[in-house]
Amino acid sequence: MFQGAVALSLDAKGRIAIPARHRDALVPDGSPLVITAHLHRCLLIYPQAAWGPFSAQIAAMPGLDPGTATLKRLLIGFAQAEELDAAGRVLIAPSLRKWAGLDKQLWLVGQGSHFELWSDAGWQAQQEAMLALNLDALPPGFESLAL
């Protein structure tokens, strides 16, 4: 399970170093990971094994609905399989860096089955949205959650 938020740096070649504590789970047996775009202008990073069933579900959705077709183009069209190098770094494709507005400072944020990769400005905006959340109108399913 991937959790927590950690600040990372994008190097001059467009690579990030995956924290050592997540490498074995993210790329078991040296298998590639999958990086794709998200509607919220961040990137999603999945272990290949977790991406397969998810992408199959998306691909099976009807393509004649304009909204569905757009989301398929986003999630599957941007998807890149990438391998970690010997130093535990992964290349973020230029098209994905552009989509998410990635610059030098980034945030890797665990989401259970995958990670989100945010620009520093994007992650700061998400934190502001968290602070502004109206706790009287929680999304469905959260109203019965005991913390």
N, C-alpha and C. Protein backbone atom coordinates (compact mmCIF):
# COMPACT_ATOMS: atom_id res chain seq x y z
N MET A 1 0.84 -1.17 0.00
CA MET A 1 0.00 0.00 0.00
C MET A 1 0.89 1.24 0.00
N PHE A 2 0.58 2.17 -0.88
CA PHE A 2 1.36 3.39 -1.01
C PHE A 2 0.66 4.51 -0.25
N GLN A 3 1.38 5.11 0.67
CA GLN A 3 0.81 6.20 1.45
C GLN A 3 1.90 7.20 1.80
N GLY A 4 1.45 8.38 2.23
CA GLY A 4 2.38 9.43 2.59
C GLY A 4 2.64 10.37 1.43
N ALA A 5 3.21 11.52 1.75
CA ALA A 5 3.60 12.51 0.74
C ALA A 5 5.05 12.86 0.96
N VAL A 6 5.82 12.84 -0.12
CA VAL A 6 7.25 13.12 -0.02
C VAL A 6 7.65 14.09 -1.13
N ALA A 7 8.48 15.06 -0.77
CA ALA A 7 9.00 16.02 -1.74
C ALA A 7 10.12 15.36 -2.53
N LEU A 8 10.11 15.55 -3.84
CA LEU A 8 11.14 15.03 -4.74
C LEU A 8 11.64 16.15 -5.63
N SER A 9 12.76 15.88 -6.29
CA SER A 9 13.30 16.82 -7.27
C SER A 9 13.35 16.15 -8.64
N LEU A 10 13.02 16.92 -9.66
CA LEU A 10 13.14 16.47 -11.04
C LEU A 10 14.52 16.87 -11.51
N ASP A 11 15.31 15.92 -12.01
CA ASP A 11 16.66 16.27 -12.45
C ASP A 11 16.65 16.87 -13.85
N ALA A 12 17.79 17.28 -14.32
CA ALA A 12 17.91 17.96 -15.62
C ALA A 12 17.50 17.08 -16.79
N LYS A 13 17.53 15.75 -16.60
CA LYS A 13 17.13 14.82 -17.66
C LYS A 13 15.67 14.41 -17.56
N GLY A 14 14.92 14.98 -16.60
CA GLY A 14 13.51 14.67 -16.47
C GLY A 14 13.22 13.41 -15.67
N ARG A 15 14.13 13.06 -14.75
CA ARG A 15 13.96 11.85 -13.94
C ARG A 15 13.67 12.21 -12.49
N ILE A 16 12.97 11.30 -11.82
CA ILE A 16 12.79 11.39 -10.37
C ILE A 16 13.33 10.11 -9.75
N ALA A 17 13.80 10.22 -8.51
CA ALA A 17 14.24 9.05 -7.76
C ALA A 17 13.08 8.56 -6.92
N ILE A 18 12.66 7.33 -7.16
CA ILE A 18 11.60 6.72 -6.36
C ILE A 18 12.19 6.39 -4.98
N PRO A 19 11.53 6.81 -3.90
CA PRO A 19 12.06 6.49 -2.56
C PRO A 19 12.28 4.98 -2.40
N ALA A 20 13.41 4.63 -1.79
CA ALA A 20 13.80 3.22 -1.66
C ALA A 20 12.71 2.38 -1.00
N ARG A 21 12.01 2.94 -0.03
CA ARG A 21 11.00 2.15 0.68
C ARG A 21 9.83 1.72 -0.20
N HIS A 22 9.65 2.35 -1.36
CA HIS A 22 8.54 2.01 -2.25
C HIS A 22 8.97 1.21 -3.49
N ARG A 23 10.24 1.11 -3.74
CA ARG A 23 10.70 0.51 -5.00
C ARG A 23 10.26 -0.93 -5.19
N ASP A 24 10.44 -1.77 -4.17
CA ASP A 24 10.11 -3.19 -4.33
C ASP A 24 8.64 -3.41 -4.61
N ALA A 25 7.77 -2.64 -3.98
CA ALA A 25 6.34 -2.79 -4.21
C ALA A 25 5.91 -2.18 -5.54
N LEU A 26 6.57 -1.12 -5.94
CA LEU A 26 6.20 -0.43 -7.18
C LEU A 26 6.70 -1.17 -8.42
N VAL A 27 7.86 -1.76 -8.32
CA VAL A 27 8.43 -2.48 -9.47
C VAL A 27 8.92 -3.87 -9.03
N PRO A 28 8.00 -4.74 -8.61
CA PRO A 28 8.43 -6.07 -8.18
C PRO A 28 9.10 -6.81 -9.33
N ASP A 29 10.16 -7.51 -9.01
CA ASP A 29 10.90 -8.30 -10.02
C ASP A 29 11.37 -7.46 -11.20
N GLY A 30 11.57 -6.17 -10.98
CA GLY A 30 12.08 -5.31 -12.04
C GLY A 30 11.08 -5.00 -13.13
N SER A 31 9.80 -5.32 -12.91
CA SER A 31 8.79 -5.02 -13.93
C SER A 31 8.63 -3.51 -14.07
N PRO A 32 8.18 -3.05 -15.23
CA PRO A 32 8.02 -1.60 -15.40
C PRO A 32 6.89 -1.05 -14.53
N LEU A 33 6.89 0.25 -14.36
CA LEU A 33 5.75 0.92 -13.77
C LEU A 33 5.06 1.69 -14.89
N VAL A 34 3.86 2.13 -14.64
CA VAL A 34 3.10 2.86 -15.66
C VAL A 34 2.79 4.25 -15.12
N ILE A 35 3.08 5.24 -15.94
CA ILE A 35 2.83 6.64 -15.59
C ILE A 35 1.85 7.20 -16.62
N THR A 36 0.80 7.86 -16.13
CA THR A 36 -0.17 8.45 -17.04
C THR A 36 -0.70 9.77 -16.47
N ALA A 37 -1.45 10.47 -17.28
CA ALA A 37 -2.01 11.76 -16.90
C ALA A 37 -3.31 11.56 -16.13
N HIS A 38 -3.62 12.52 -15.27
CA HIS A 38 -4.88 12.53 -14.52
C HIS A 38 -5.60 13.82 -14.86
N LEU A 39 -6.90 13.78 -14.80
CA LEU A 39 -7.74 14.93 -15.11
C LEU A 39 -7.43 16.14 -14.25
N HIS A 40 -6.91 15.92 -13.05
CA HIS A 40 -6.61 17.02 -12.12
C HIS A 40 -5.24 17.66 -12.36
N ARG A 41 -4.61 17.34 -13.48
CA ARG A 41 -3.32 17.90 -13.89
C ARG A 41 -2.17 17.42 -13.01
N CYS A 42 -2.28 16.19 -12.55
CA CYS A 42 -1.17 15.52 -11.90
C CYS A 42 -0.91 14.26 -12.71
N LEU A 43 0.04 13.46 -12.29
CA LEU A 43 0.30 12.19 -12.95
C LEU A 43 -0.03 11.06 -11.99
N LEU A 44 -0.38 9.92 -12.55
CA LEU A 44 -0.63 8.71 -11.79
C LEU A 44 0.52 7.74 -12.06
N ILE A 45 1.02 7.10 -11.00
CA ILE A 45 2.10 6.12 -11.15
C ILE A 45 1.61 4.81 -10.54
N TYR A 46 1.51 3.78 -11.39
CA TYR A 46 0.99 2.48 -10.99
C TYR A 46 2.05 1.40 -11.16
N PRO A 47 2.05 0.39 -10.27
CA PRO A 47 2.79 -0.83 -10.60
C PRO A 47 2.12 -1.43 -11.84
N GLN A 48 2.86 -2.03 -12.71
CA GLN A 48 2.28 -2.57 -13.94
C GLN A 48 1.15 -3.56 -13.64
N ALA A 49 1.30 -4.38 -12.60
CA ALA A 49 0.28 -5.37 -12.27
C ALA A 49 -1.04 -4.71 -11.88
N ALA A 50 -0.99 -3.57 -11.21
CA ALA A 50 -2.21 -2.87 -10.81
C ALA A 50 -2.80 -2.09 -11.99
N TRP A 51 -1.95 -1.62 -12.88
CA TRP A 51 -2.42 -0.85 -14.04
C TRP A 51 -3.18 -1.73 -15.02
N GLY A 52 -2.76 -2.96 -15.21
CA GLY A 52 -3.38 -3.84 -16.21
C GLY A 52 -4.89 -3.95 -16.08
N PRO A 53 -5.42 -4.37 -14.93
CA PRO A 53 -6.89 -4.47 -14.79
C PRO A 53 -7.60 -3.12 -14.91
N PHE A 54 -6.98 -2.08 -14.38
CA PHE A 54 -7.56 -0.74 -14.46
C PHE A 54 -7.66 -0.28 -15.92
N SER A 55 -6.59 -0.44 -16.68
CA SER A 55 -6.60 -0.01 -18.08
C SER A 55 -7.55 -0.87 -18.91
N ALA A 56 -7.69 -2.15 -18.56
CA ALA A 56 -8.64 -3.01 -19.27
C ALA A 56 -10.07 -2.53 -19.05
N GLN A 57 -10.39 -2.12 -17.85
CA GLN A 57 -11.73 -1.57 -17.56
C GLN A 57 -11.98 -0.31 -18.39
N ILE A 58 -11.00 0.55 -18.45
CA ILE A 58 -11.15 1.80 -19.21
C ILE A 58 -11.31 1.49 -20.69
N ALA A 59 -10.46 0.60 -21.21
CA ALA A 59 -10.51 0.27 -22.64
C ALA A 59 -11.83 -0.36 -23.04
N ALA A 60 -12.48 -1.07 -22.12
CA ALA A 60 -13.74 -1.74 -22.42
C ALA A 60 -14.93 -0.79 -22.44
N MET A 61 -14.76 0.43 -21.97
CA MET A 61 -15.87 1.38 -21.94
C MET A 61 -16.20 1.85 -23.36
N PRO A 62 -17.47 2.15 -23.61
CA PRO A 62 -17.87 2.57 -24.96
C PRO A 62 -17.19 3.87 -25.37
N GLY A 63 -16.70 3.88 -26.59
CA GLY A 63 -15.95 5.03 -27.08
C GLY A 63 -16.77 6.07 -27.82
N LEU A 64 -18.07 5.83 -28.00
CA LEU A 64 -18.87 6.80 -28.74
C LEU A 64 -19.37 7.94 -27.87
N ASP A 65 -19.40 7.75 -26.56
CA ASP A 65 -19.77 8.83 -25.66
C ASP A 65 -18.59 9.79 -25.60
N PRO A 66 -18.80 11.08 -25.87
CA PRO A 66 -17.67 12.02 -25.91
C PRO A 66 -16.88 12.11 -24.60
N GLY A 67 -17.56 12.11 -23.46
CA GLY A 67 -16.86 12.19 -22.18
C GLY A 67 -16.01 10.95 -21.93
N THR A 68 -16.57 9.79 -22.21
CA THR A 68 -15.84 8.54 -22.03
C THR A 68 -14.63 8.49 -22.96
N ALA A 69 -14.84 8.88 -24.21
CA ALA A 69 -13.74 8.87 -25.18
C ALA A 69 -12.62 9.81 -24.75
N THR A 70 -12.99 10.96 -24.21
CA THR A 70 -11.98 11.92 -23.75
C THR A 70 -11.17 11.34 -22.60
N LEU A 71 -11.84 10.73 -21.63
CA LEU A 71 -11.12 10.14 -20.49
C LEU A 71 -10.25 8.97 -20.93
N LYS A 72 -10.72 8.18 -21.90
CA LYS A 72 -9.88 7.08 -22.42
C LYS A 72 -8.63 7.64 -23.08
N ARG A 73 -8.79 8.71 -23.85
CA ARG A 73 -7.62 9.33 -24.49
C ARG A 73 -6.64 9.84 -23.45
N LEU A 74 -7.15 10.41 -22.38
CA LEU A 74 -6.30 10.95 -21.34
C LEU A 74 -5.57 9.83 -20.61
N LEU A 75 -6.30 8.88 -20.06
CA LEU A 75 -5.71 7.85 -19.20
C LEU A 75 -4.89 6.83 -19.97
N ILE A 76 -5.38 6.36 -21.10
CA ILE A 76 -4.66 5.35 -21.87
C ILE A 76 -3.71 6.00 -22.87
N GLY A 77 -4.15 7.10 -23.45
CA GLY A 77 -3.33 7.76 -24.47
C GLY A 77 -2.02 8.32 -23.94
N PHE A 78 -2.00 8.77 -22.70
CA PHE A 78 -0.78 9.30 -22.10
C PHE A 78 0.06 8.22 -21.41
N ALA A 79 -0.48 7.03 -21.22
CA ALA A 79 0.20 6.00 -20.42
C ALA A 79 1.54 5.61 -21.03
N GLN A 80 2.55 5.58 -20.16
CA GLN A 80 3.92 5.21 -20.55
C GLN A 80 4.42 4.15 -19.59
N ALA A 81 4.93 3.05 -20.12
CA ALA A 81 5.60 2.04 -19.28
C ALA A 81 7.06 2.45 -19.17
N GLU A 82 7.55 2.55 -17.95
CA GLU A 82 8.93 2.99 -17.72
C GLU A 82 9.60 2.05 -16.72
N GLU A 83 10.91 1.90 -16.86
CA GLU A 83 11.67 1.08 -15.94
C GLU A 83 12.56 1.96 -15.08
N LEU A 84 12.82 1.51 -13.86
CA LEU A 84 13.75 2.21 -13.01
C LEU A 84 15.17 1.92 -13.47
N ASP A 85 16.04 2.91 -13.38
CA ASP A 85 17.45 2.66 -13.68
C ASP A 85 18.12 2.09 -12.43
N ALA A 86 19.41 1.83 -12.51
CA ALA A 86 20.14 1.20 -11.40
C ALA A 86 20.13 2.06 -10.14
N ALA A 87 19.92 3.37 -10.28
CA ALA A 87 19.89 4.27 -9.13
C ALA A 87 18.47 4.48 -8.60
N GLY A 88 17.49 3.76 -9.14
CA GLY A 88 16.11 3.89 -8.68
C GLY A 88 15.38 5.09 -9.24
N ARG A 89 15.88 5.63 -10.35
CA ARG A 89 15.25 6.79 -10.99
C ARG A 89 14.38 6.33 -12.15
N VAL A 90 13.35 7.12 -12.43
CA VAL A 90 12.47 6.84 -13.55
C VAL A 90 12.32 8.13 -14.37
N LEU A 91 12.31 7.98 -15.67
CA LEU A 91 12.14 9.10 -16.58
C LEU A 91 10.66 9.46 -16.67
N ILE A 92 10.36 10.74 -16.56
CA ILE A 92 9.00 11.24 -16.78
C ILE A 92 9.01 11.86 -18.18
N ALA A 93 8.22 11.28 -19.08
CA ALA A 93 8.20 11.72 -20.48
C ALA A 93 7.87 13.21 -20.58
N PRO A 94 8.47 13.91 -21.56
CA PRO A 94 8.20 15.34 -21.71
C PRO A 94 6.71 15.68 -21.83
N SER A 95 5.95 14.85 -22.54
CA SER A 95 4.52 15.12 -22.68
C SER A 95 3.80 15.06 -21.34
N LEU A 96 4.21 14.16 -20.48
CA LEU A 96 3.61 14.05 -19.16
C LEU A 96 4.05 15.21 -18.26
N ARG A 97 5.32 15.58 -18.35
CA ARG A 97 5.80 16.74 -17.57
C ARG A 97 5.03 17.99 -17.96
N LYS A 98 4.79 18.15 -19.25
CA LYS A 98 4.06 19.32 -19.72
C LYS A 98 2.62 19.29 -19.22
N TRP A 99 1.96 18.14 -19.32
CA TRP A 99 0.56 18.02 -18.87
C TRP A 99 0.40 18.45 -17.41
N ALA A 100 1.30 17.97 -16.56
CA ALA A 100 1.18 18.21 -15.12
C ALA A 100 1.91 19.48 -14.67
N GLY A 101 2.55 20.18 -15.59
CA GLY A 101 3.27 21.41 -15.23
C GLY A 101 4.41 21.15 -14.27
N LEU A 102 5.11 20.03 -14.46
CA LEU A 102 6.17 19.66 -13.53
C LEU A 102 7.41 20.51 -13.75
N ASP A 103 7.96 20.94 -12.65
CA ASP A 103 9.18 21.73 -12.64
C ASP A 103 10.15 21.03 -11.69
N LYS A 104 11.06 21.73 -11.13
CA LYS A 104 12.10 21.15 -10.28
C LYS A 104 11.54 20.45 -9.04
N GLN A 105 10.66 21.12 -8.28
CA GLN A 105 10.12 20.56 -7.04
C GLN A 105 8.81 19.81 -7.31
N LEU A 106 8.71 18.59 -6.82
CA LEU A 106 7.53 17.74 -7.03
C LEU A 106 7.11 17.11 -5.72
N TRP A 107 5.90 16.54 -5.74
CA TRP A 107 5.38 15.80 -4.59
C TRP A 107 4.86 14.45 -5.05
N LEU A 108 5.33 13.40 -4.41
CA LEU A 108 4.86 12.04 -4.65
C LEU A 108 3.89 11.71 -3.51
N VAL A 109 2.63 11.46 -3.86
CA VAL A 109 1.58 11.32 -2.86
C VAL A 109 0.93 9.94 -3.00
N GLY A 110 1.01 9.14 -1.95
CA GLY A 110 0.44 7.80 -1.96
C GLY A 110 -1.07 7.82 -1.97
N GLN A 111 -1.65 6.91 -2.75
CA GLN A 111 -3.10 6.78 -2.86
C GLN A 111 -3.55 5.33 -2.70
N GLY A 112 -2.80 4.56 -1.95
CA GLY A 112 -3.17 3.16 -1.73
C GLY A 112 -2.58 2.27 -2.80
N SER A 113 -3.26 2.15 -3.93
CA SER A 113 -2.81 1.26 -5.00
C SER A 113 -1.83 1.92 -5.96
N HIS A 114 -1.65 3.22 -5.84
CA HIS A 114 -0.80 3.97 -6.78
C HIS A 114 -0.34 5.27 -6.12
N PHE A 115 0.45 6.01 -6.87
CA PHE A 115 0.90 7.34 -6.44
C PHE A 115 0.34 8.40 -7.37
N GLU A 116 0.22 9.60 -6.84
CA GLU A 116 0.02 10.78 -7.66
C GLU A 116 1.33 11.55 -7.63
N LEU A 117 1.68 12.18 -8.74
CA LEU A 117 2.87 13.02 -8.82
C LEU A 117 2.41 14.43 -9.17
N TRP A 118 2.67 15.37 -8.24
CA TRP A 118 2.19 16.73 -8.37
C TRP A 118 3.34 17.71 -8.52
N SER A 119 3.10 18.78 -9.26
CA SER A 119 4.01 19.93 -9.21
C SER A 119 3.89 20.52 -7.82
N ASP A 120 4.88 21.30 -7.40
CA ASP A 120 4.80 21.93 -6.10
C ASP A 120 3.59 22.85 -6.02
N ALA A 121 3.35 23.64 -7.06
CA ALA A 121 2.20 24.56 -7.06
C ALA A 121 0.89 23.78 -7.03
N GLY A 122 0.81 22.69 -7.79
CA GLY A 122 -0.40 21.88 -7.80
C GLY A 122 -0.69 21.25 -6.45
N TRP A 123 0.36 20.75 -5.77
CA TRP A 123 0.18 20.14 -4.46
C TRP A 123 -0.22 21.19 -3.42
N GLN A 124 0.36 22.39 -3.51
CA GLN A 124 -0.03 23.46 -2.59
C GLN A 124 -1.51 23.81 -2.78
N ALA A 125 -1.97 23.85 -4.03
CA ALA A 125 -3.38 24.13 -4.30
C ALA A 125 -4.27 23.03 -3.73
N GLN A 126 -3.83 21.77 -3.82
CA GLN A 126 -4.60 20.67 -3.25
C GLN A 126 -4.70 20.80 -1.73
N GLN A 127 -3.62 21.22 -1.10
CA GLN A 127 -3.66 21.41 0.34
C GLN A 127 -4.61 22.54 0.73
N GLU A 128 -4.63 23.60 -0.05
CA GLU A 128 -5.58 24.69 0.21
C GLU A 128 -7.02 24.18 0.07
N ALA A 129 -7.26 23.33 -0.93
CA ALA A 129 -8.60 22.75 -1.11
C ALA A 129 -8.97 21.87 0.08
N MET A 130 -7.99 21.16 0.63
CA MET A 130 -8.25 20.33 1.82
C MET A 130 -8.67 21.20 2.99
N LEU A 131 -8.01 22.33 3.16
CA LEU A 131 -8.33 23.23 4.27
C LEU A 131 -9.70 23.88 4.09
N ALA A 132 -10.12 24.04 2.84
CA ALA A 132 -11.40 24.68 2.56
C ALA A 132 -12.55 23.69 2.50
N LEU A 133 -12.29 22.42 2.69
CA LEU A 133 -13.32 21.38 2.60
C LEU A 133 -14.44 21.65 3.60
N ASN A 134 -15.66 21.62 3.12
CA ASN A 134 -16.84 21.82 3.96
C ASN A 134 -17.16 20.48 4.63
N LEU A 135 -16.87 20.37 5.90
CA LEU A 135 -17.09 19.11 6.61
C LEU A 135 -18.56 18.81 6.85
N ASP A 136 -19.44 19.78 6.58
CA ASP A 136 -20.88 19.52 6.70
C ASP A 136 -21.44 18.86 5.45
N ALA A 137 -20.68 18.83 4.38
CA ALA A 137 -21.14 18.24 3.12
C ALA A 137 -20.07 17.28 2.60
N LEU A 138 -19.82 16.21 3.33
CA LEU A 138 -18.80 15.24 2.94
C LEU A 138 -19.24 14.44 1.71
N PRO A 139 -18.29 14.01 0.90
CA PRO A 139 -18.64 13.15 -0.24
C PRO A 139 -19.29 11.85 0.25
N PRO A 140 -20.15 11.24 -0.57
CA PRO A 140 -20.82 10.00 -0.18
C PRO A 140 -19.83 8.94 0.29
N GLY A 141 -20.16 8.28 1.38
CA GLY A 141 -19.34 7.23 1.94
C GLY A 141 -18.44 7.70 3.06
N PHE A 142 -18.12 8.98 3.11
CA PHE A 142 -17.24 9.51 4.15
C PHE A 142 -17.99 9.89 5.42
N GLU A 143 -19.31 10.08 5.31
CA GLU A 143 -20.05 10.54 6.48
C GLU A 143 -20.06 9.51 7.62
N SER A 144 -19.87 8.24 7.32
CA SER A 144 -19.88 7.21 8.37
C SER A 144 -18.47 6.75 8.74
N LEU A 145 -17.47 7.37 8.20
CA LEU A 145 -16.09 6.99 8.49
C LEU A 145 -15.69 7.48 9.88
N ALA A 146 -15.17 6.57 10.69
CA ALA A 146 -14.71 6.93 12.02
C ALA A 146 -13.19 7.05 12.00
N LEU A 147 -12.69 8.19 12.40
CA LEU A 147 -11.24 8.41 12.44
C LEU A 147 -10.75 8.37 13.87
